[in-house]
Protein backbone atom coordinates (compact mmCIF):
# COMPACT_ATOMS: atom_id res chain seq x y z
CA MET A 1 -72.71 44.99 83.75
CA ARG A 2 -71.36 45.26 80.25
CA ILE A 3 -74.59 44.13 78.60
CA PRO A 4 -76.56 47.31 79.49
CA ARG A 5 -73.72 49.44 78.17
CA LEU A 6 -73.67 47.46 74.95
CA ARG A 7 -77.45 47.77 74.58
CA SER A 8 -77.36 51.53 75.13
CA ALA A 9 -74.52 51.90 72.63
CA VAL A 10 -76.41 49.87 70.01
CA LEU A 11 -79.55 51.89 70.69
CA ALA A 12 -77.65 55.17 70.33
CA VAL A 13 -76.12 54.07 67.02
CA THR A 14 -79.50 52.86 65.73
CA LEU A 15 -81.27 56.08 66.69
CA GLY A 16 -78.46 58.18 65.24
CA ALA A 17 -78.60 56.29 61.94
CA GLY A 18 -82.38 56.69 61.81
CA LEU A 19 -82.15 60.43 62.40
CA LEU A 20 -79.45 60.83 59.77
CA ALA A 21 -81.42 58.80 57.24
CA GLY A 22 -84.48 60.97 57.83
CA ALA A 23 -82.51 64.18 57.52
CA ALA A 24 -80.48 63.15 54.47
CA PRO A 25 -83.09 63.98 51.76
CA ALA A 26 -83.82 67.40 53.24
CA LEU A 27 -80.13 68.11 53.65
CA ALA A 28 -79.43 67.02 50.09
CA ALA A 29 -82.19 69.29 48.76
CA THR A 30 -80.80 72.19 50.74
CA GLN A 31 -77.24 71.63 49.58
CA THR A 32 -78.10 71.23 45.90
CA GLY A 33 -80.58 74.10 45.92
CA ALA A 34 -83.29 71.88 44.51
CA ALA A 35 -86.08 69.83 45.95
CA VAL A 36 -85.57 67.03 43.46
CA ALA A 37 -85.24 63.61 45.07
CA ALA A 38 -82.43 61.20 44.25
CA GLY A 39 -84.56 59.55 41.55
CA GLY A 40 -84.92 62.88 39.74
CA TRP A 41 -88.53 63.59 40.77
CA PRO A 42 -89.64 66.57 42.86
CA THR A 43 -90.17 65.79 46.53
CA ARG A 44 -93.58 65.98 48.17
CA ASP A 45 -95.27 69.41 48.06
CA TRP A 46 -92.78 70.74 45.49
CA TYR A 47 -94.08 71.06 41.93
CA LEU A 48 -92.29 71.71 38.67
CA GLN A 49 -93.35 74.76 36.67
CA GLY A 50 -92.51 74.69 32.98
CA PRO A 51 -91.04 73.49 30.70
CA TYR A 52 -89.31 76.53 29.28
CA PRO A 53 -87.15 76.23 26.15
CA THR A 54 -84.36 78.47 27.46
CA MET A 55 -82.93 79.45 30.82
CA ALA A 56 -83.79 83.10 30.07
CA ALA A 57 -87.48 82.24 29.60
CA CYS A 58 -87.45 80.23 32.83
CA ASP A 59 -85.76 83.10 34.67
CA LEU A 60 -88.44 85.51 33.48
CA ALA A 61 -91.26 83.22 34.67
CA TYR A 62 -89.45 82.63 37.98
CA GLU A 63 -89.09 86.38 38.60
CA ASP A 64 -92.78 86.88 37.80
CA ALA A 65 -93.77 84.17 40.29
CA ALA A 66 -91.47 85.67 42.93
CA GLN A 67 -93.01 89.13 42.50
CA ASN A 68 -96.57 87.78 42.67
CA GLY A 69 -95.86 86.22 46.07
CA GLN A 70 -98.41 83.46 45.53
CA TYR A 71 -96.11 80.58 46.56
CA THR A 72 -94.68 79.71 49.96
CA GLY A 73 -91.33 78.80 48.43
CA LEU A 74 -89.53 78.93 45.09
CA LEU A 75 -86.47 77.12 43.82
CA TYR A 76 -84.43 78.60 41.01
CA CYS A 77 -84.48 77.36 37.40
CA HIS A 78 -82.71 74.15 36.51
CA TRP A 79 -82.63 71.63 33.68
CA PHE A 80 -84.93 68.62 34.08
CA ARG A 81 -84.23 65.63 31.86
CA GLY A 82 -87.91 64.76 31.52
CA GLY A 83 -89.84 61.66 32.37
CA GLY A 84 -93.39 60.65 33.16
CA PRO A 85 -95.69 63.56 32.35
CA TYR A 86 -92.80 66.05 32.23
CA MET A 87 -91.06 67.01 29.00
CA PRO A 88 -87.34 67.86 29.03
CA GLY A 89 -86.66 71.53 29.59
CA PHE A 90 -85.95 74.23 32.13
CA TYR A 91 -88.19 74.29 35.19
CA TYR A 92 -88.44 76.17 38.44
CA GLU A 93 -90.11 74.62 41.46
CA VAL A 94 -92.84 75.95 43.73
CA TYR A 95 -93.80 74.84 47.21
CA ILE A 96 -97.50 74.28 47.78
CA PRO A 97 -98.25 72.71 51.19
């Protein structure tokens, strides 16, 4: 009788770990206020807009994009270290599904 209990406990732990692993990237993006993955790249459907040389220039572009209402979601300006096709600078992110 203990074997079914053990199997259900292992199954519950496995399912719980799978759910937590799936929710971790989204939770991390929500907590940090950015949709940048752990490797430093934007997550799927989020795109960097920039680079801007100063935070003030990025803020101005961000406010313009927010007033236009053309994007489903916006994430505030932040420094991106650069890499791949992106130069270092200040970027804001837009959500395009």
